[in-house]
């Protein structure tokens, strides 16, 4: 049998072509076009943060589709708010039992919820004034609006004024949405 030089030449040129790894072409999160971060050797070294995505239900529904309440998180009564959806991720804050959260997204395995934390309601000024012996004080300001109770045009990372992160879904009871 005799081989032609043309197929060998074509194979050699194809091997030299610019190609991408499949991992380079995949997005880092649910947000298309997000830059891929270098993965550390272990999760303990991890400084990875995955932003909470809002607007997953489309432009006609609220940016976060449900509301939940922290319930029974453990002996110390606090639930860790993490920077990414895994136990080794950096702890951002702790949430007390009864704290309300906006549930915006879930991890693929459903073990983690991406949440926006509702600010604690401020103590009414009239009650503070009465406690201090003052009368006629003005009413307290309302809690900050996190901006997730109304629609957004497209799915995106949350960048509003309230704290956001990931919590274990086992310790959040859905109450609305």
N, C-alpha and C. Protein backbone atom coordinates (compact mmCIF):
# COMPACT_ATOMS: atom_id res chain seq x y z
N UNK A 1 0.83 -1.18 0.00
CA UNK A 1 0.00 0.00 0.00
C UNK A 1 0.87 1.24 0.00
N UNK A 2 0.36 2.19 -0.65
CA UNK A 2 1.11 3.43 -0.75
C UNK A 2 0.27 4.56 -0.16
N UNK A 3 0.85 5.35 0.79
CA UNK A 3 0.15 6.47 1.43
C UNK A 3 0.44 7.74 0.67
N UNK A 4 -0.57 8.55 0.55
CA UNK A 4 -0.40 9.85 -0.10
C UNK A 4 0.13 10.85 0.94
N UNK A 5 0.92 11.75 0.56
CA UNK A 5 1.51 12.76 1.44
C UNK A 5 0.49 13.83 1.83
N UNK A 6 -0.56 14.01 1.03
CA UNK A 6 -1.54 15.06 1.31
C UNK A 6 -2.29 14.81 2.63
N UNK A 7 -2.83 13.62 2.91
CA UNK A 7 -3.52 13.41 4.19
C UNK A 7 -2.58 13.60 5.38
N UNK A 8 -1.33 13.19 5.26
CA UNK A 8 -0.38 13.38 6.35
C UNK A 8 -0.12 14.87 6.59
N UNK A 9 -0.02 15.63 5.52
CA UNK A 9 0.21 17.06 5.63
C UNK A 9 -1.01 17.74 6.29
N UNK A 10 -2.22 17.35 5.89
CA UNK A 10 -3.42 17.92 6.49
C UNK A 10 -3.52 17.60 7.98
N UNK A 11 -3.17 16.38 8.37
CA UNK A 11 -3.19 16.00 9.78
C UNK A 11 -2.18 16.81 10.58
N UNK A 12 -1.02 17.06 10.01
CA UNK A 12 0.00 17.85 10.69
C UNK A 12 -0.46 19.29 10.89
N UNK A 13 -1.11 19.86 9.88
CA UNK A 13 -1.61 21.23 9.98
C UNK A 13 -2.74 21.31 11.01
N UNK A 14 -3.60 20.33 11.06
CA UNK A 14 -4.70 20.33 12.02
C UNK A 14 -4.18 20.27 13.45
N UNK A 15 -3.10 19.56 13.67
CA UNK A 15 -2.52 19.45 15.01
C UNK A 15 -1.94 20.78 15.46
N UNK A 16 -1.56 21.63 14.53
CA UNK A 16 -0.97 22.93 14.87
C UNK A 16 -2.02 24.03 14.99
N UNK A 17 -3.28 23.75 14.73
CA UNK A 17 -4.30 24.79 14.76
C UNK A 17 -4.54 25.27 16.19
N UNK A 18 -5.08 26.46 16.29
CA UNK A 18 -5.40 27.05 17.60
C UNK A 18 -6.64 26.35 18.14
N UNK A 19 -6.51 25.69 19.27
CA UNK A 19 -7.64 25.00 19.86
C UNK A 19 -7.79 25.42 21.31
N UNK A 20 -9.00 25.24 21.84
CA UNK A 20 -9.28 25.58 23.23
C UNK A 20 -9.64 24.32 23.98
N UNK A 21 -9.34 24.34 25.24
CA UNK A 21 -9.79 23.28 26.11
C UNK A 21 -11.28 23.47 26.35
N UNK A 22 -12.00 22.39 26.54
CA UNK A 22 -13.43 22.48 26.82
C UNK A 22 -13.65 23.30 28.09
N UNK A 23 -12.80 23.13 29.09
CA UNK A 23 -12.96 23.88 30.34
C UNK A 23 -12.81 25.38 30.13
N UNK A 24 -11.97 25.81 29.17
CA UNK A 24 -11.81 27.23 28.90
C UNK A 24 -13.07 27.83 28.28
N UNK A 25 -13.82 27.01 27.56
CA UNK A 25 -15.01 27.50 26.88
C UNK A 25 -16.23 27.54 27.79
N UNK A 26 -16.20 26.83 28.92
CA UNK A 26 -17.35 26.81 29.81
C UNK A 26 -17.36 28.01 30.74
N UNK A 27 -18.54 28.53 31.07
CA UNK A 27 -18.59 29.64 32.03
C UNK A 27 -18.27 29.15 33.44
N UNK A 28 -17.80 30.06 34.28
CA UNK A 28 -17.43 29.73 35.65
C UNK A 28 -18.64 29.63 36.55
N UNK A 29 -19.72 30.21 36.18
CA UNK A 29 -20.91 30.20 37.02
C UNK A 29 -22.12 30.20 36.11
N UNK A 30 -23.27 30.45 36.68
CA UNK A 30 -24.48 30.47 35.88
C UNK A 30 -24.58 31.73 35.03
N UNK A 31 -23.63 32.62 35.17
CA UNK A 31 -23.64 33.85 34.39
C UNK A 31 -22.74 33.64 33.18
N UNK A 32 -23.32 33.60 32.00
CA UNK A 32 -22.54 33.38 30.79
C UNK A 32 -21.51 34.50 30.62
N UNK A 33 -20.33 34.14 30.22
CA UNK A 33 -19.28 35.11 29.99
C UNK A 33 -18.45 35.43 31.21
N UNK A 34 -18.75 34.82 32.36
CA UNK A 34 -17.98 35.08 33.57
C UNK A 34 -16.58 34.51 33.40
N UNK A 35 -15.59 35.23 33.88
CA UNK A 35 -14.22 34.76 33.77
C UNK A 35 -13.98 33.56 34.66
N UNK A 36 -13.19 32.62 34.20
CA UNK A 36 -12.88 31.42 34.97
C UNK A 36 -11.71 31.74 35.90
N UNK A 37 -11.88 31.35 37.17
CA UNK A 37 -10.84 31.57 38.16
C UNK A 37 -9.94 30.35 38.25
N UNK A 38 -8.67 30.55 38.63
CA UNK A 38 -7.79 29.42 38.86
C UNK A 38 -8.27 28.67 40.08
N UNK A 39 -8.29 27.36 40.00
CA UNK A 39 -8.73 26.53 41.11
C UNK A 39 -7.53 26.19 41.99
N UNK A 40 -7.63 26.39 43.28
CA UNK A 40 -6.53 26.02 44.17
C UNK A 40 -6.45 24.51 44.32
N UNK A 41 -5.36 24.04 44.86
CA UNK A 41 -5.16 22.61 45.06
C UNK A 41 -6.16 22.03 46.05
N UNK A 42 -6.48 22.75 47.10
CA UNK A 42 -7.44 22.27 48.08
C UNK A 42 -8.46 23.36 48.36
N UNK A 43 -9.59 22.95 48.90
CA UNK A 43 -10.64 23.93 49.24
C UNK A 43 -10.21 24.81 50.40
N UNK A 44 -9.32 24.31 51.26
CA UNK A 44 -8.88 25.11 52.39
C UNK A 44 -8.13 26.35 51.94
N UNK A 45 -7.48 26.28 50.79
CA UNK A 45 -6.76 27.43 50.25
C UNK A 45 -7.71 28.36 49.50
N UNK A 46 -8.94 27.94 49.36
CA UNK A 46 -9.89 28.60 48.48
C UNK A 46 -10.30 29.99 48.95
N UNK A 47 -10.20 30.91 48.04
CA UNK A 47 -10.74 32.25 48.25
C UNK A 47 -11.79 32.48 47.18
N UNK A 48 -12.34 31.40 46.66
CA UNK A 48 -13.32 31.48 45.58
C UNK A 48 -14.62 32.05 46.11
N UNK A 49 -15.17 32.94 45.34
CA UNK A 49 -16.48 33.50 45.67
C UNK A 49 -17.35 33.35 44.44
N UNK A 50 -18.55 32.87 44.65
CA UNK A 50 -19.51 32.76 43.55
C UNK A 50 -20.66 33.70 43.87
N UNK A 51 -20.83 34.73 43.06
CA UNK A 51 -21.90 35.68 43.36
C UNK A 51 -23.27 35.03 43.26
N UNK A 52 -24.21 35.56 44.02
CA UNK A 52 -25.59 35.10 43.96
C UNK A 52 -26.21 35.68 42.70
N UNK A 53 -26.86 34.82 41.93
CA UNK A 53 -27.49 35.24 40.68
C UNK A 53 -28.94 35.62 40.95
N UNK A 54 -29.36 36.77 40.41
CA UNK A 54 -30.76 37.19 40.52
C UNK A 54 -31.36 37.22 39.12
N UNK A 55 -32.67 37.22 39.05
CA UNK A 55 -33.36 37.32 37.76
C UNK A 55 -33.48 36.01 37.02
N UNK A 56 -33.30 34.88 37.70
CA UNK A 56 -33.35 33.58 37.01
C UNK A 56 -34.75 33.22 36.53
N UNK A 57 -35.78 33.83 37.10
CA UNK A 57 -37.15 33.51 36.71
C UNK A 57 -37.65 34.36 35.53
N UNK A 58 -36.82 35.22 34.99
CA UNK A 58 -37.20 36.01 33.83
C UNK A 58 -37.57 37.44 34.19
N UNK A 59 -37.76 38.27 33.16
CA UNK A 59 -38.00 39.71 33.36
C UNK A 59 -39.39 40.09 33.84
N UNK A 60 -40.30 39.13 33.96
CA UNK A 60 -41.66 39.45 34.42
C UNK A 60 -41.90 39.11 35.88
N UNK A 61 -40.94 38.41 36.51
CA UNK A 61 -41.09 38.03 37.91
C UNK A 61 -40.02 38.69 38.77
N UNK A 62 -40.23 38.68 40.08
CA UNK A 62 -39.27 39.30 41.00
C UNK A 62 -37.87 38.73 40.79
N UNK A 63 -36.87 39.54 41.06
CA UNK A 63 -35.47 39.13 40.89
C UNK A 63 -35.14 37.90 41.73
N UNK A 64 -35.72 37.81 42.92
CA UNK A 64 -35.58 36.63 43.78
C UNK A 64 -36.98 36.08 43.99
N UNK A 65 -37.18 34.82 43.64
CA UNK A 65 -38.51 34.27 43.58
C UNK A 65 -39.13 33.78 44.88
N UNK A 66 -38.37 33.75 45.97
CA UNK A 66 -38.93 33.21 47.22
C UNK A 66 -38.35 33.94 48.41
N UNK A 67 -39.02 33.78 49.54
CA UNK A 67 -38.54 34.31 50.81
C UNK A 67 -38.44 33.15 51.78
N UNK A 68 -37.41 33.17 52.63
CA UNK A 68 -37.24 32.10 53.59
C UNK A 68 -36.87 32.65 54.96
N UNK A 69 -36.93 31.76 55.95
CA UNK A 69 -36.57 32.10 57.33
C UNK A 69 -35.55 31.07 57.80
N UNK A 70 -34.48 31.54 58.43
CA UNK A 70 -33.46 30.65 58.99
C UNK A 70 -34.10 29.89 60.14
N UNK A 71 -33.92 28.56 60.16
CA UNK A 71 -34.51 27.74 61.22
C UNK A 71 -33.51 26.69 61.70
N UNK A 72 -33.44 26.50 63.01
CA UNK A 72 -32.66 25.44 63.64
C UNK A 72 -31.27 25.18 63.12
N UNK A 73 -30.43 26.20 62.96
CA UNK A 73 -29.13 25.96 62.35
C UNK A 73 -28.13 25.18 63.19
N UNK A 74 -28.30 25.09 64.46
CA UNK A 74 -27.33 24.33 65.25
C UNK A 74 -27.33 24.75 66.70
N UNK A 75 -26.38 24.21 67.44
CA UNK A 75 -26.30 24.46 68.88
C UNK A 75 -26.07 25.93 69.20
N UNK A 76 -25.27 26.62 68.38
CA UNK A 76 -24.99 28.03 68.66
C UNK A 76 -26.07 28.96 68.12
N UNK A 77 -27.06 28.40 67.40
CA UNK A 77 -28.17 29.21 66.91
C UNK A 77 -27.83 30.11 65.75
N UNK A 78 -26.75 29.84 65.03
CA UNK A 78 -26.35 30.69 63.92
C UNK A 78 -26.06 29.83 62.69
N UNK A 79 -26.39 30.35 61.52
CA UNK A 79 -26.15 29.70 60.25
C UNK A 79 -25.09 30.49 59.50
N UNK A 80 -24.08 29.79 58.99
CA UNK A 80 -23.01 30.47 58.25
C UNK A 80 -23.49 30.91 56.87
N UNK A 81 -23.20 32.16 56.53
CA UNK A 81 -23.41 32.70 55.19
C UNK A 81 -22.05 32.60 54.51
N UNK A 82 -21.95 31.87 53.42
CA UNK A 82 -20.66 31.58 52.78
C UNK A 82 -20.53 32.28 51.43
N UNK A 83 -19.28 32.43 50.97
CA UNK A 83 -18.98 33.12 49.72
C UNK A 83 -19.25 32.26 48.49
N UNK A 84 -19.34 30.95 48.67
CA UNK A 84 -19.59 30.02 47.57
C UNK A 84 -20.39 28.83 48.10
N UNK A 85 -20.99 28.05 47.23
CA UNK A 85 -21.85 26.96 47.69
C UNK A 85 -21.11 25.67 48.06
N UNK A 86 -20.25 25.75 49.06
CA UNK A 86 -19.64 24.56 49.64
C UNK A 86 -19.13 24.89 51.04
N UNK A 87 -19.06 23.86 51.89
CA UNK A 87 -18.75 24.05 53.31
C UNK A 87 -17.38 24.66 53.55
N UNK A 88 -16.43 24.46 52.64
CA UNK A 88 -15.09 25.01 52.82
C UNK A 88 -14.93 26.44 52.35
N UNK A 89 -15.98 27.03 51.84
CA UNK A 89 -15.90 28.42 51.35
C UNK A 89 -15.79 29.39 52.53
N UNK A 90 -15.27 30.55 52.25
CA UNK A 90 -15.08 31.58 53.28
C UNK A 90 -16.42 31.97 53.90
N UNK A 91 -16.44 32.10 55.24
CA UNK A 91 -17.64 32.56 55.95
C UNK A 91 -17.69 34.07 55.86
N UNK A 92 -18.82 34.58 55.38
CA UNK A 92 -19.02 36.03 55.25
C UNK A 92 -19.65 36.58 56.53
N UNK A 93 -20.63 35.85 57.04
CA UNK A 93 -21.38 36.29 58.22
C UNK A 93 -22.09 35.09 58.83
N UNK A 94 -22.74 35.31 59.95
CA UNK A 94 -23.61 34.29 60.53
C UNK A 94 -25.00 34.88 60.67
N UNK A 95 -26.00 34.04 60.42
CA UNK A 95 -27.39 34.48 60.48
C UNK A 95 -28.09 33.80 61.64
N UNK A 96 -28.76 34.57 62.46
CA UNK A 96 -29.47 34.05 63.63
C UNK A 96 -30.78 33.37 63.20
N UNK A 97 -31.25 32.47 64.03
CA UNK A 97 -32.52 31.82 63.76
C UNK A 97 -33.61 32.89 63.69
N UNK A 98 -34.51 32.73 62.72
CA UNK A 98 -35.59 33.69 62.51
C UNK A 98 -35.26 34.78 61.51
N UNK A 99 -34.01 34.89 61.09
CA UNK A 99 -33.61 35.92 60.12
C UNK A 99 -34.22 35.64 58.76
N UNK A 100 -34.78 36.64 58.13
CA UNK A 100 -35.41 36.49 56.82
C UNK A 100 -34.37 36.69 55.71
N UNK A 101 -34.55 35.89 54.64
CA UNK A 101 -33.67 35.98 53.47
C UNK A 101 -34.51 35.90 52.20
N UNK A 102 -34.01 36.53 51.14
CA UNK A 102 -34.61 36.38 49.81
C UNK A 102 -33.87 35.23 49.15
N UNK A 103 -34.57 34.21 48.70
CA UNK A 103 -33.95 33.07 48.03
C UNK A 103 -33.94 33.36 46.53
N UNK A 104 -32.74 33.45 45.96
CA UNK A 104 -32.61 33.89 44.57
C UNK A 104 -32.19 32.77 43.62
N UNK A 105 -31.40 31.82 44.10
CA UNK A 105 -30.89 30.75 43.25
C UNK A 105 -30.56 29.54 44.11
N UNK A 106 -30.25 28.43 43.48
CA UNK A 106 -29.88 27.18 44.17
C UNK A 106 -28.67 26.58 43.48
N UNK A 107 -27.92 25.79 44.24
CA UNK A 107 -26.83 25.03 43.63
C UNK A 107 -27.45 23.88 42.84
N UNK A 108 -26.69 23.30 41.94
CA UNK A 108 -27.20 22.21 41.11
C UNK A 108 -27.68 21.04 41.96
N UNK A 109 -26.97 20.73 43.05
CA UNK A 109 -27.35 19.60 43.90
C UNK A 109 -28.43 19.95 44.92
N UNK A 110 -28.93 21.19 44.91
CA UNK A 110 -30.00 21.67 45.78
C UNK A 110 -29.60 21.78 47.25
N UNK A 111 -28.33 21.60 47.59
CA UNK A 111 -27.89 21.66 48.98
C UNK A 111 -27.64 23.09 49.46
N UNK A 112 -27.47 24.01 48.55
CA UNK A 112 -27.14 25.39 48.90
C UNK A 112 -28.11 26.35 48.23
N UNK A 113 -28.46 27.40 48.96
CA UNK A 113 -29.32 28.46 48.44
C UNK A 113 -28.52 29.74 48.33
N UNK A 114 -28.62 30.40 47.19
CA UNK A 114 -28.04 31.73 47.03
C UNK A 114 -29.05 32.73 47.54
N UNK A 115 -28.69 33.48 48.58
CA UNK A 115 -29.65 34.35 49.25
C UNK A 115 -29.15 35.80 49.34
N UNK A 116 -30.11 36.69 49.46
CA UNK A 116 -29.85 38.09 49.79
C UNK A 116 -30.49 38.29 51.16
N UNK A 117 -29.72 38.75 52.12
CA UNK A 117 -30.16 38.85 53.51
C UNK A 117 -30.92 40.15 53.72
N UNK A 118 -32.16 40.03 54.20
CA UNK A 118 -32.93 41.23 54.54
C UNK A 118 -32.29 41.88 55.76
N UNK A 119 -32.08 43.18 55.73
CA UNK A 119 -31.53 43.86 56.91
C UNK A 119 -32.47 43.70 58.09
N UNK A 120 -31.91 43.65 59.28
CA UNK A 120 -32.73 43.58 60.48
C UNK A 120 -33.55 44.85 60.58
N UNK A 121 -34.80 44.71 60.96
CA UNK A 121 -35.68 45.88 61.10
C UNK A 121 -35.13 46.78 62.19
N UNK A 122 -35.02 48.08 61.91
CA UNK A 122 -34.51 48.99 62.93
C UNK A 122 -35.52 49.13 64.07
N UNK A 123 -35.00 49.37 65.24
CA UNK A 123 -35.87 49.56 66.40
C UNK A 123 -36.61 50.89 66.21
N UNK A 124 -37.91 50.90 66.42
CA UNK A 124 -38.67 52.15 66.23
C UNK A 124 -38.12 53.27 67.12
N UNK A 125 -38.02 54.46 66.56
CA UNK A 125 -37.46 55.60 67.29
C UNK A 125 -38.32 55.96 68.50
N UNK A 126 -39.63 55.80 68.37
CA UNK A 126 -40.52 56.15 69.48
C UNK A 126 -40.23 55.26 70.69
N UNK A 127 -39.98 53.94 70.44
CA UNK A 127 -39.67 53.03 71.54
C UNK A 127 -38.32 53.39 72.16
N UNK A 128 -37.33 53.75 71.31
CA UNK A 128 -36.02 54.15 71.83
C UNK A 128 -36.17 55.40 72.69
N UNK A 129 -36.97 56.36 72.19
CA UNK A 129 -37.14 57.61 72.92
C UNK A 129 -37.82 57.35 74.26
N UNK A 130 -38.83 56.49 74.26
CA UNK A 130 -39.53 56.18 75.51
C UNK A 130 -38.58 55.50 76.49
N UNK A 131 -37.72 54.63 75.98
CA UNK A 131 -36.73 53.97 76.84
C UNK A 131 -35.76 54.98 77.45
N UNK A 132 -35.51 56.07 76.72
CA UNK A 132 -34.59 57.09 77.20
C UNK A 132 -35.29 58.23 77.92
N UNK A 133 -36.62 58.11 78.11
CA UNK A 133 -37.38 59.14 78.81
C UNK A 133 -37.76 60.31 77.93
N UNK A 134 -37.63 60.19 76.62
CA UNK A 134 -37.98 61.28 75.70
C UNK A 134 -39.37 61.01 75.13
N UNK A 135 -40.09 62.07 74.78
CA UNK A 135 -41.41 61.91 74.18
C UNK A 135 -41.45 62.63 72.86
N UNK A 136 -42.34 62.16 71.97
CA UNK A 136 -42.56 62.85 70.69
C UNK A 136 -41.45 62.63 69.67
N UNK A 137 -40.71 61.57 69.76
CA UNK A 137 -39.65 61.30 68.79
C UNK A 137 -40.25 60.89 67.46
N UNK A 138 -39.53 61.09 66.39
CA UNK A 138 -39.99 60.73 65.04
C UNK A 138 -40.01 59.21 64.88
N UNK A 139 -40.77 58.75 63.86
CA UNK A 139 -40.83 57.31 63.59
C UNK A 139 -39.50 56.83 63.02
N UNK A 140 -39.24 55.55 63.22
CA UNK A 140 -37.98 54.96 62.75
C UNK A 140 -37.98 54.82 61.23
N UNK A 141 -36.81 54.91 60.61
CA UNK A 141 -36.73 54.69 59.16
C UNK A 141 -36.99 53.22 58.84
N UNK A 142 -37.48 52.99 57.64
CA UNK A 142 -37.75 51.61 57.21
C UNK A 142 -36.42 50.93 56.88
N UNK A 143 -36.43 49.58 56.91
CA UNK A 143 -35.25 48.80 56.57
C UNK A 143 -34.90 49.05 55.10
N UNK A 144 -33.64 48.90 54.76
CA UNK A 144 -33.15 49.13 53.40
C UNK A 144 -33.84 48.20 52.42
N UNK A 145 -34.10 48.70 51.21
CA UNK A 145 -34.67 47.89 50.14
C UNK A 145 -33.51 47.21 49.42
N UNK A 146 -33.53 45.90 49.38
CA UNK A 146 -32.44 45.14 48.75
C UNK A 146 -32.53 45.13 47.23
N UNK A 147 -33.66 45.56 46.66
CA UNK A 147 -33.81 45.64 45.21
C UNK A 147 -34.08 44.30 44.53
N UNK A 148 -34.58 43.31 45.27
CA UNK A 148 -34.84 42.01 44.67
C UNK A 148 -36.32 41.64 44.68
N UNK A 149 -37.17 42.57 45.12
CA UNK A 149 -38.61 42.31 45.18
C UNK A 149 -39.33 42.88 43.97
N UNK A 150 -38.58 43.16 42.95
CA UNK A 150 -39.14 43.62 41.68
C UNK A 150 -38.32 42.98 40.55
N UNK A 151 -38.86 42.95 39.34
CA UNK A 151 -38.16 42.29 38.23
C UNK A 151 -36.87 43.02 37.83
N UNK A 152 -35.94 42.26 37.26
CA UNK A 152 -34.76 42.81 36.61
C UNK A 152 -34.81 42.35 35.16
N UNK A 153 -34.18 43.09 34.26
CA UNK A 153 -34.28 42.79 32.84
C UNK A 153 -33.62 41.48 32.43
N UNK A 154 -32.49 41.16 33.06
CA UNK A 154 -31.76 39.96 32.67
C UNK A 154 -31.10 39.33 33.89
N UNK A 155 -30.80 38.07 33.78
CA UNK A 155 -30.10 37.35 34.84
C UNK A 155 -28.71 37.97 35.04
N UNK A 156 -28.34 38.21 36.31
CA UNK A 156 -27.05 38.84 36.60
C UNK A 156 -26.65 38.59 38.05
N UNK A 157 -25.42 38.91 38.36
CA UNK A 157 -24.94 38.79 39.73
C UNK A 157 -25.55 39.90 40.58
N UNK A 158 -25.91 39.58 41.81
CA UNK A 158 -26.47 40.58 42.72
C UNK A 158 -25.37 41.55 43.13
N UNK A 159 -25.66 42.84 43.03
CA UNK A 159 -24.68 43.86 43.42
C UNK A 159 -25.34 44.99 44.22
N UNK A 160 -26.40 44.65 44.92
CA UNK A 160 -27.16 45.65 45.66
C UNK A 160 -26.58 45.95 47.03
N UNK A 161 -27.34 46.71 47.83
CA UNK A 161 -26.86 47.20 49.11
C UNK A 161 -26.87 46.17 50.24
N UNK A 162 -27.56 45.06 50.07
CA UNK A 162 -27.69 44.07 51.15
C UNK A 162 -26.63 42.97 51.01
N UNK A 163 -26.38 42.31 52.11
CA UNK A 163 -25.42 41.21 52.13
C UNK A 163 -25.99 40.02 51.36
N UNK A 164 -25.14 39.31 50.63
CA UNK A 164 -25.58 38.13 49.90
C UNK A 164 -24.54 37.03 50.01
N UNK A 165 -24.98 35.80 49.80
CA UNK A 165 -24.07 34.66 49.87
C UNK A 165 -24.86 33.37 49.81
N UNK A 166 -24.24 32.30 50.31
CA UNK A 166 -24.80 30.95 50.20
C UNK A 166 -25.01 30.35 51.57
N UNK A 167 -26.16 29.70 51.76
CA UNK A 167 -26.48 29.02 53.02
C UNK A 167 -26.94 27.60 52.71
N UNK A 168 -26.79 26.72 53.69
CA UNK A 168 -27.27 25.35 53.56
C UNK A 168 -28.79 25.35 53.47
N UNK A 169 -29.33 24.70 52.46
CA UNK A 169 -30.78 24.68 52.26
C UNK A 169 -31.52 23.93 53.37
N UNK A 170 -30.82 23.08 54.11
CA UNK A 170 -31.45 22.32 55.18
C UNK A 170 -31.94 23.21 56.32
N UNK A 171 -31.41 24.43 56.41
CA UNK A 171 -31.74 25.31 57.54
C UNK A 171 -32.52 26.55 57.13
N UNK A 172 -33.18 26.50 55.99
CA UNK A 172 -34.02 27.61 55.56
C UNK A 172 -35.41 27.06 55.23
N UNK A 173 -36.43 27.63 55.88
CA UNK A 173 -37.82 27.25 55.60
C UNK A 173 -38.41 28.31 54.69
N UNK A 174 -38.91 27.88 53.54
CA UNK A 174 -39.52 28.83 52.61
C UNK A 174 -40.86 29.29 53.16
N UNK A 175 -41.09 30.60 53.12
CA UNK A 175 -42.33 31.16 53.65
C UNK A 175 -43.10 31.98 52.64
N UNK A 176 -42.54 32.23 51.49
CA UNK A 176 -43.22 32.99 50.47
C UNK A 176 -42.55 32.84 49.13
N UNK A 177 -43.31 33.09 48.09
CA UNK A 177 -42.69 33.04 46.78
C UNK A 177 -43.34 32.15 45.89
